[in-house]
PDB file of all heavy atoms in Angstrom:
ATOM      1  N   GLU A   1     174.256  75.981  29.115  1.00  0.00           N
ATOM      2  CA  GLU A   1     174.586  75.104  30.247  1.00  0.00           C
ATOM      3  C   GLU A   1     174.084  73.685  30.018  1.00  0.00           C
ATOM      4  O   GLU A   1     174.793  72.709  30.263  1.00  0.00           O
ATOM      5  CB  GLU A   1     173.991  75.677  31.528  1.00  0.00           C
ATOM      6  CG  GLU A   1     174.297  74.839  32.766  1.00  0.00           C
ATOM      7  CD  GLU A   1     173.716  75.412  34.030  1.00  0.00           C
ATOM      8  OE1 GLU A   1     172.964  76.419  33.954  1.00  0.00           O
ATOM      9  OE2 GLU A   1     173.983  74.863  35.121  1.00  0.00           O
ATOM     10  N   ARG A   2     172.848  73.564  29.520  1.00  0.00           N
ATOM     11  CA  ARG A   2     172.283  72.235  29.249  1.00  0.00           C
ATOM     12  C   ARG A   2     173.073  71.486  28.191  1.00  0.00           C
ATOM     13  O   ARG A   2     173.141  70.257  28.214  1.00  0.00           O
ATOM     14  CB  ARG A   2     170.825  72.370  28.819  1.00  0.00           C
ATOM     15  CG  ARG A   2     169.881  72.777  29.949  1.00  0.00           C
ATOM     16  CD  ARG A   2     168.524  73.186  29.401  1.00  0.00           C
ATOM     17  NE  ARG A   2     167.906  72.134  28.620  1.00  0.00           N
ATOM     18  CZ  ARG A   2     166.922  72.339  27.756  1.00  0.00           C
ATOM     19  NH1 ARG A   2     166.454  73.565  27.540  1.00  0.00           N
ATOM     20  NH2 ARG A   2     166.409  71.325  27.096  1.00  0.00           N
ATOM     21  N   ALA A   3     173.664  72.229  27.266  1.00  0.00           N
ATOM     22  CA  ALA A   3     174.457  71.616  26.192  1.00  0.00           C
ATOM     23  C   ALA A   3     175.919  71.417  26.578  1.00  0.00           C
ATOM     24  O   ALA A   3     176.708  70.933  25.761  1.00  0.00           O
ATOM     25  CB  ALA A   3     174.371  72.472  24.934  1.00  0.00           C
ATOM     26  N   GLY A   4     176.280  71.796  27.797  1.00  0.00           N
ATOM     27  CA  GLY A   4     177.650  71.618  28.241  1.00  0.00           C
ATOM     28  C   GLY A   4     178.621  72.594  27.630  1.00  0.00           C
ATOM     29  O   GLY A   4     179.827  72.336  27.571  1.00  0.00           O
ATOM     30  N   ARG A   5     178.130  73.772  27.219  1.00  0.00           N
ATOM     31  CA  ARG A   5     178.982  74.770  26.586  1.00  0.00           C
ATOM     32  C   ARG A   5     179.499  75.763  27.606  1.00  0.00           C
ATOM     33  O   ARG A   5     178.889  75.954  28.659  1.00  0.00           O
ATOM     34  CB  ARG A   5     178.211  75.529  25.498  1.00  0.00           C
ATOM     35  CG  ARG A   5     177.529  74.671  24.455  1.00  0.00           C
ATOM     36  CD  ARG A   5     178.503  73.860  23.631  1.00  0.00           C
ATOM     37  NE  ARG A   5     179.559  74.683  23.051  1.00  0.00           N
ATOM     38  CZ  ARG A   5     180.545  74.184  22.303  1.00  0.00           C
ATOM     39  NH1 ARG A   5     180.593  72.880  22.059  1.00  0.00           N
ATOM     40  NH2 ARG A   5     181.464  74.979  21.801  1.00  0.00           N
ATOM     41  N   THR A   6     180.612  76.421  27.269  1.00  0.00           N
ATOM     42  CA  THR A   6     181.218  77.403  28.173  1.00  0.00           C
ATOM     43  C   THR A   6     181.196  78.827  27.607  1.00  0.00           C
ATOM     44  O   THR A   6     181.692  79.752  28.254  1.00  0.00           O
ATOM     45  CB  THR A   6     182.680  77.018  28.483  1.00  0.00           C
ATOM     46  OG1 THR A   6     183.429  76.940  27.262  1.00  0.00           O
ATOM     47  CG2 THR A   6     182.745  75.677  29.202  1.00  0.00           C
ATOM     48  N   GLU A   7     180.628  79.010  26.420  1.00  0.00           N
ATOM     49  CA  GLU A   7     180.539  80.355  25.850  1.00  0.00           C
ATOM     50  C   GLU A   7     179.639  81.241  26.736  1.00  0.00           C
ATOM     51  O   GLU A   7     178.732  80.762  27.408  1.00  0.00           O
ATOM     52  CB  GLU A   7     179.980  80.317  24.429  1.00  0.00           C
ATOM     53  CG  GLU A   7     180.912  79.690  23.406  1.00  0.00           C
ATOM     54  CD  GLU A   7     180.847  78.171  23.352  1.00  0.00           C
ATOM     55  OE1 GLU A   7     180.050  77.588  24.123  1.00  0.00           O
ATOM     56  OE2 GLU A   7     181.578  77.581  22.553  1.00  0.00           O
ATOM     57  N   ARG A   8     179.885  82.543  26.670  1.00  0.00           N
ATOM     58  CA  ARG A   8     179.098  83.489  27.456  1.00  0.00           C
ATOM     59  C   ARG A   8     177.963  84.055  26.607  1.00  0.00           C
ATOM     60  O   ARG A   8     178.165  84.392  25.437  1.00  0.00           O
ATOM     61  CB  ARG A   8     179.981  84.623  27.965  1.00  0.00           C
ATOM     62  CG  ARG A   8     181.061  84.171  28.951  1.00  0.00           C
ATOM     63  CD  ARG A   8     181.843  85.341  29.521  1.00  0.00           C
ATOM     64  NE  ARG A   8     182.581  86.054  28.489  1.00  0.00           N
ATOM     65  CZ  ARG A   8     182.298  87.281  28.083  1.00  0.00           C
ATOM     66  NH1 ARG A   8     181.278  87.938  28.598  1.00  0.00           N
ATOM     67  NH2 ARG A   8     183.028  87.855  27.140  1.00  0.00           N
ATOM     68  N   PRO A   9     176.745  84.165  27.157  1.00  0.00           N
ATOM     69  CA  PRO A   9     175.603  84.688  26.383  1.00  0.00           C
ATOM     70  C   PRO A   9     175.863  86.068  25.793  1.00  0.00           C
ATOM     71  O   PRO A   9     175.355  86.382  24.717  1.00  0.00           O
ATOM     72  CB  PRO A   9     174.486  84.741  27.423  1.00  0.00           C
ATOM     73  CG  PRO A   9     174.852  83.705  28.433  1.00  0.00           C
ATOM     74  CD  PRO A   9     176.345  83.729  28.507  1.00  0.00           C
ATOM     75  N   GLU A  10     176.664  86.878  26.460  1.00  0.00           N
ATOM     76  CA  GLU A  10     176.930  88.231  25.985  1.00  0.00           C
ATOM     77  C   GLU A  10     177.702  88.247  24.657  1.00  0.00           C
ATOM     78  O   GLU A  10     177.783  89.281  23.990  1.00  0.00           O
ATOM     79  CB  GLU A  10     177.725  89.008  27.039  1.00  0.00           C
ATOM     80  CG  GLU A  10     176.983  89.259  28.339  1.00  0.00           C
ATOM     81  CD  GLU A  10     176.992  88.060  29.266  1.00  0.00           C
ATOM     82  OE1 GLU A  10     177.675  87.053  28.954  1.00  0.00           O
ATOM     83  OE2 GLU A  10     176.308  88.127  30.313  1.00  0.00           O
ATOM     84  N   GLU A  11     178.249  87.119  24.278  1.00  0.00           N
ATOM     85  CA  GLU A  11     179.028  87.036  23.040  1.00  0.00           C
ATOM     86  C   GLU A  11     178.143  86.802  21.812  1.00  0.00           C
ATOM     87  O   GLU A  11     178.634  86.837  20.687  1.00  0.00           O
ATOM     88  CB  GLU A  11     180.046  85.896  23.142  1.00  0.00           C
ATOM     89  CG  GLU A  11     181.051  86.070  24.276  1.00  0.00           C
ATOM     90  CD  GLU A  11     181.900  84.834  24.491  1.00  0.00           C
ATOM     91  OE1 GLU A  11     181.540  83.752  23.961  1.00  0.00           O
ATOM     92  OE2 GLU A  11     182.921  84.923  25.190  1.00  0.00           O
ATOM     93  N   PHE A  12     176.853  86.576  22.024  1.00  0.00           N
ATOM     94  CA  PHE A  12     175.939  86.195  20.939  1.00  0.00           C
ATOM     95  C   PHE A  12     175.072  87.379  20.498  1.00  0.00           C
ATOM     96  O   PHE A  12     174.848  88.331  21.248  1.00  0.00           O
ATOM     97  CB  PHE A  12     175.013  85.065  21.389  1.00  0.00           C
ATOM     98  CG  PHE A  12     175.698  83.741  21.578  1.00  0.00           C
ATOM     99  CD1 PHE A  12     176.485  83.505  22.692  1.00  0.00           C
ATOM    100  CD2 PHE A  12     175.553  82.735  20.641  1.00  0.00           C
ATOM    101  CE1 PHE A  12     177.122  82.281  22.882  1.00  0.00           C
ATOM    102  CE2 PHE A  12     176.173  81.502  20.813  1.00  0.00           C
ATOM    103  CZ  PHE A  12     176.961  81.286  21.935  1.00  0.00           C
ATOM    104  N   ARG A  13     174.575  87.274  19.266  1.00  0.00           N
ATOM    105  CA  ARG A  13     173.562  88.180  18.744  1.00  0.00           C
ATOM    106  C   ARG A  13     172.282  87.398  18.468  1.00  0.00           C
ATOM    107  O   ARG A  13     172.325  86.216  18.177  1.00  0.00           O
ATOM    108  CB  ARG A  13     174.043  88.860  17.470  1.00  0.00           C
ATOM    109  CG  ARG A  13     175.175  89.864  17.693  1.00  0.00           C
ATOM    110  CD  ARG A  13     175.721  90.407  16.394  1.00  0.00           C
ATOM    111  NE  ARG A  13     176.413  89.364  15.634  1.00  0.00           N
ATOM    112  CZ  ARG A  13     176.814  89.502  14.382  1.00  0.00           C
ATOM    113  NH1 ARG A  13     176.554  90.608  13.715  1.00  0.00           N
ATOM    114  NH2 ARG A  13     177.453  88.518  13.781  1.00  0.00           N
ATOM    115  N   ARG A  14     171.163  88.081  18.586  1.00  0.00           N
ATOM    116  CA  ARG A  14     169.861  87.421  18.407  1.00  0.00           C
ATOM    117  C   ARG A  14     169.228  87.827  17.088  1.00  0.00           C
ATOM    118  O   ARG A  14     169.287  89.000  16.696  1.00  0.00           O
ATOM    119  CB  ARG A  14     168.923  87.775  19.559  1.00  0.00           C
ATOM    120  CG  ARG A  14     167.533  87.123  19.464  1.00  0.00           C
ATOM    121  CD  ARG A  14     166.727  87.333  20.725  1.00  0.00           C
ATOM    122  NE  ARG A  14     166.228  88.677  20.878  1.00  0.00           N
ATOM    123  CZ  ARG A  14     164.984  89.062  20.553  1.00  0.00           C
ATOM    124  NH1 ARG A  14     164.136  88.182  20.030  1.00  0.00           N
ATOM    125  NH2 ARG A  14     164.593  90.314  20.729  1.00  0.00           N
ATOM    126  N   TYR A  15     168.583  86.867  16.420  1.00  0.00           N
ATOM    127  CA  TYR A  15     167.881  87.102  15.163  1.00  0.00           C
ATOM    128  C   TYR A  15     166.474  86.504  15.241  1.00  0.00           C
ATOM    129  O   TYR A  15     166.250  85.482  15.906  1.00  0.00           O
ATOM    130  CB  TYR A  15     168.643  86.489  13.992  1.00  0.00           C
ATOM    131  CG  TYR A  15     170.051  87.015  13.853  1.00  0.00           C
ATOM    132  CD1 TYR A  15     171.107  86.395  14.522  1.00  0.00           C
ATOM    133  CD2 TYR A  15     170.322  88.140  13.083  1.00  0.00           C
ATOM    134  CE1 TYR A  15     172.396  86.888  14.431  1.00  0.00           C
ATOM    135  CE2 TYR A  15     171.609  88.643  12.975  1.00  0.00           C
ATOM    136  CZ  TYR A  15     172.652  88.005  13.654  1.00  0.00           C
ATOM    137  OH  TYR A  15     173.917  88.495  13.564  1.00  0.00           O
ATOM    138  N   GLY A  16     165.549  87.151  14.556  1.00  0.00           N
ATOM    139  CA  GLY A  16     164.170  86.653  14.548  1.00  0.00           C
ATOM    140  C   GLY A  16     163.369  87.311  13.448  1.00  0.00           C
ATOM    141  O   GLY A  16     163.896  88.011  12.568  1.00  0.00           O
ATOM    142  N   SER A  17     162.071  87.130  13.510  1.00  0.00           N
ATOM    143  CA  SER A  17     161.180  87.585  12.450  1.00  0.00           C
ATOM    144  C   SER A  17     160.874  89.081  12.553  1.00  0.00           C
ATOM    145  O   SER A  17     160.590  89.601  13.636  1.00  0.00           O
ATOM    146  CB  SER A  17     159.864  86.808  12.501  1.00  0.00           C
ATOM    147  OG  SER A  17     158.953  87.304  11.548  1.00  0.00           O
ATOM    148  N   ALA A  18     160.916  89.751  11.413  1.00  0.00           N
ATOM    149  CA  ALA A  18     160.459  91.148  11.334  1.00  0.00           C
ATOM    150  C   ALA A  18     158.951  91.211  11.218  1.00  0.00           C
ATOM    151  O   ALA A  18     158.377  92.304  11.270  1.00  0.00           O
ATOM    152  CB  ALA A  18     161.105  91.840  10.146  1.00  0.00           C
ATOM    153  N   ARG A  19     158.319  90.073  11.040  1.00  0.00           N
ATOM    154  CA  ARG A  19     156.852  89.925  10.950  1.00  0.00           C
ATOM    155  C   ARG A  19     156.281  90.684   9.752  1.00  0.00           C
ATOM    156  O   ARG A  19     155.099  91.045   9.752  1.00  0.00           O
ATOM    157  CB  ARG A  19     156.181  90.361  12.250  1.00  0.00           C
ATOM    158  CG  ARG A  19     156.647  89.559  13.472  1.00  0.00           C
ATOM    159  CD  ARG A  19     155.843  89.892  14.710  1.00  0.00           C
ATOM    160  NE  ARG A  19     156.235  89.030  15.822  1.00  0.00           N
ATOM    161  CZ  ARG A  19     157.088  89.386  16.780  1.00  0.00           C
ATOM    162  NH1 ARG A  19     157.636  90.600  16.745  1.00  0.00           N
ATOM    163  NH2 ARG A  19     157.400  88.563  17.750  1.00  0.00           N
ATOM    164  N   GLY A  20     157.102  90.878   8.736  1.00  0.00           N
ATOM    165  CA  GLY A  20     156.618  91.551   7.545  1.00  0.00           C
ATOM    166  C   GLY A  20     155.876  90.638   6.593  1.00  0.00           C
ATOM    167  O   GLY A  20     155.188  91.104   5.690  1.00  0.00           O
ATOM    168  N   LEU A  21     156.033  89.316   6.777  1.00  0.00           N
ATOM    169  CA  LEU A  21     155.354  88.365   5.883  1.00  0.00           C
ATOM    170  C   LEU A  21     154.075  87.795   6.495  1.00  0.00           C
ATOM    171  O   LEU A  21     153.447  86.923   5.913  1.00  0.00           O
ATOM    172  CB  LEU A  21     156.308  87.206   5.555  1.00  0.00           C
ATOM    173  CG  LEU A  21     157.587  87.586   4.805  1.00  0.00           C
ATOM    174  CD1 LEU A  21     158.443  86.345   4.573  1.00  0.00           C
ATOM    175  CD2 LEU A  21     157.264  88.244   3.479  1.00  0.00           C
ATOM    176  N   TYR A  22     153.700  88.307   7.679  1.00  0.00           N
ATOM    177  CA  TYR A  22     152.525  87.764   8.366  1.00  0.00           C
ATOM    178  C   TYR A  22     151.212  88.098   7.672  1.00  0.00           C
ATOM    179  O   TYR A  22     150.244  87.380   7.792  1.00  0.00           O
ATOM    180  CB  TYR A  22     152.476  88.311   9.776  1.00  0.00           C
ATOM    181  CG  TYR A  22     153.296  87.549  10.784  1.00  0.00           C
ATOM    182  CD1 TYR A  22     154.418  86.824  10.397  1.00  0.00           C
ATOM    183  CD2 TYR A  22     152.947  87.556  12.131  1.00  0.00           C
ATOM    184  CE1 TYR A  22     155.167  86.137  11.327  1.00  0.00           C
ATOM    185  CE2 TYR A  22     153.699  86.864  13.066  1.00  0.00           C
ATOM    186  CZ  TYR A  22     154.815  86.159  12.657  1.00  0.00           C
ATOM    187  OH  TYR A  22     155.552  85.474  13.568  1.00  0.00           O
ATOM    188  N   HIS A  23     151.166  89.231   6.981  1.00  0.00           N
ATOM    189  CA  HIS A  23     149.884  89.741   6.472  1.00  0.00           C
ATOM    190  C   HIS A  23     149.923  89.909   4.948  1.00  0.00           C
ATOM    191  O   HIS A  23     150.956  90.257   4.375  1.00  0.00           O
ATOM    192  CB  HIS A  23     149.551  91.084   7.130  1.00  0.00           C
ATOM    193  CG  HIS A  23     149.572  91.033   8.627  1.00  0.00           C
ATOM    194  ND1 HIS A  23     148.615  90.369   9.353  1.00  0.00           N
ATOM    195  CD2 HIS A  23     150.461  91.540   9.520  1.00  0.00           C
ATOM    196  CE1 HIS A  23     148.893  90.493  10.634  1.00  0.00           C
ATOM    197  NE2 HIS A  23     150.007  91.189  10.770  1.00  0.00           N
ATOM    198  N   PHE A  24     148.788  89.685   4.345  1.00  0.00           N
ATOM    199  CA  PHE A  24     148.660  89.864   2.916  1.00  0.00           C
ATOM    200  C   PHE A  24     148.789  91.351   2.558  1.00  0.00           C
ATOM    201  O   PHE A  24     148.217  92.217   3.229  1.00  0.00           O
ATOM    202  CB  PHE A  24     147.303  89.343   2.441  1.00  0.00           C
ATOM    203  CG  PHE A  24     146.993  89.664   0.996  1.00  0.00           C
ATOM    204  CD1 PHE A  24     147.598  88.933  -0.023  1.00  0.00           C
ATOM    205  CD2 PHE A  24     146.121  90.687   0.664  1.00  0.00           C
ATOM    206  CE1 PHE A  24     147.324  89.225  -1.346  1.00  0.00           C
ATOM    207  CE2 PHE A  24     145.849  90.969  -0.661  1.00  0.00           C
ATOM    208  CZ  PHE A  24     146.441  90.247  -1.667  1.00  0.00           C
ATOM    209  N   LYS A  25     149.549  91.626   1.514  1.00  0.00           N
ATOM    210  CA  LYS A  25     149.687  92.999   1.011  1.00  0.00           C
ATOM    211  C   LYS A  25     149.187  93.052  -0.419  1.00  0.00           C
ATOM    212  O   LYS A  25     149.665  92.304  -1.278  1.00  0.00           O
ATOM    213  CB  LYS A  25     151.147  93.463   1.078  1.00  0.00           C
ATOM    214  CG  LYS A  25     151.704  93.587   2.497  1.00  0.00           C
ATOM    215  CD  LYS A  25     153.137  94.094   2.448  1.00  0.00           C
ATOM    216  CE  LYS A  25     153.681  94.330   3.856  1.00  0.00           C
ATOM    217  NZ  LYS A  25     153.748  93.079   4.632  1.00  0.00           N
ATOM    218  N   VAL A  26     148.223  93.910  -0.677  1.00  0.00           N
ATOM    219  CA  VAL A  26     147.615  93.968  -1.988  1.00  0.00           C
ATOM    220  C   VAL A  26     148.645  94.325  -3.061  1.00  0.00           C
ATOM    221  O   VAL A  26     148.495  93.925  -4.240  1.00  0.00           O
ATOM    222  CB  VAL A  26     146.435  94.968  -1.989  1.00  0.00           C
ATOM    223  CG1 VAL A  26     146.945  96.395  -1.827  1.00  0.00           C
ATOM    224  CG2 VAL A  26     145.585  94.796  -3.236  1.00  0.00           C
ATOM    225  N   ASP A  27     149.700  95.048  -2.687  1.00  0.00           N
ATOM    226  CA  ASP A  27     150.718  95.414  -3.663  1.00  0.00           C
ATOM    227  C   ASP A  27     151.433  94.202  -4.216  1.00  0.00           C
ATOM    228  O   ASP A  27     152.056  94.266  -5.302  1.00  0.00           O
ATOM    229  CB  ASP A  27     151.738  96.361  -3.033  1.00  0.00           C
ATOM    230  CG  ASP A  27     151.141  97.713  -2.710  1.00  0.00           C
ATOM    231  OD1 ASP A  27     150.068  98.029  -3.266  1.00  0.00           O
ATOM    232  OD2 ASP A  27     151.727  98.446  -1.890  1.00  0.00           O
ATOM    233  N   ASN A  28     151.378  93.112  -3.497  1.00  0.00           N
ATOM    234  CA  ASN A  28     152.058  91.880  -3.941  1.00  0.00           C
ATOM    235  C   ASN A  28     151.134  90.956  -4.742  1.00  0.00           C
ATOM    236  O   ASN A  28     151.580  89.919  -5.203  1.00  0.00           O
ATOM    237  CB  ASN A  28     152.598  91.104  -2.740  1.00  0.00           C
ATOM    238  CG  ASN A  28     153.641  91.887  -1.979  1.00  0.00           C
ATOM    239  OD1 ASN A  28     154.342  92.711  -2.559  1.00  0.00           O
ATOM    240  ND2 ASN A  28     153.751  91.652  -0.685  1.00  0.00           N
TER     241      ASN A  28
END
């Protein structure tokens, strides 16, 4: 709405962090 768009939120998919890189792993 703030951007003046008319697309519906239900049409989108969300992506984010799996948080797998947050911690040190000795195997690496």
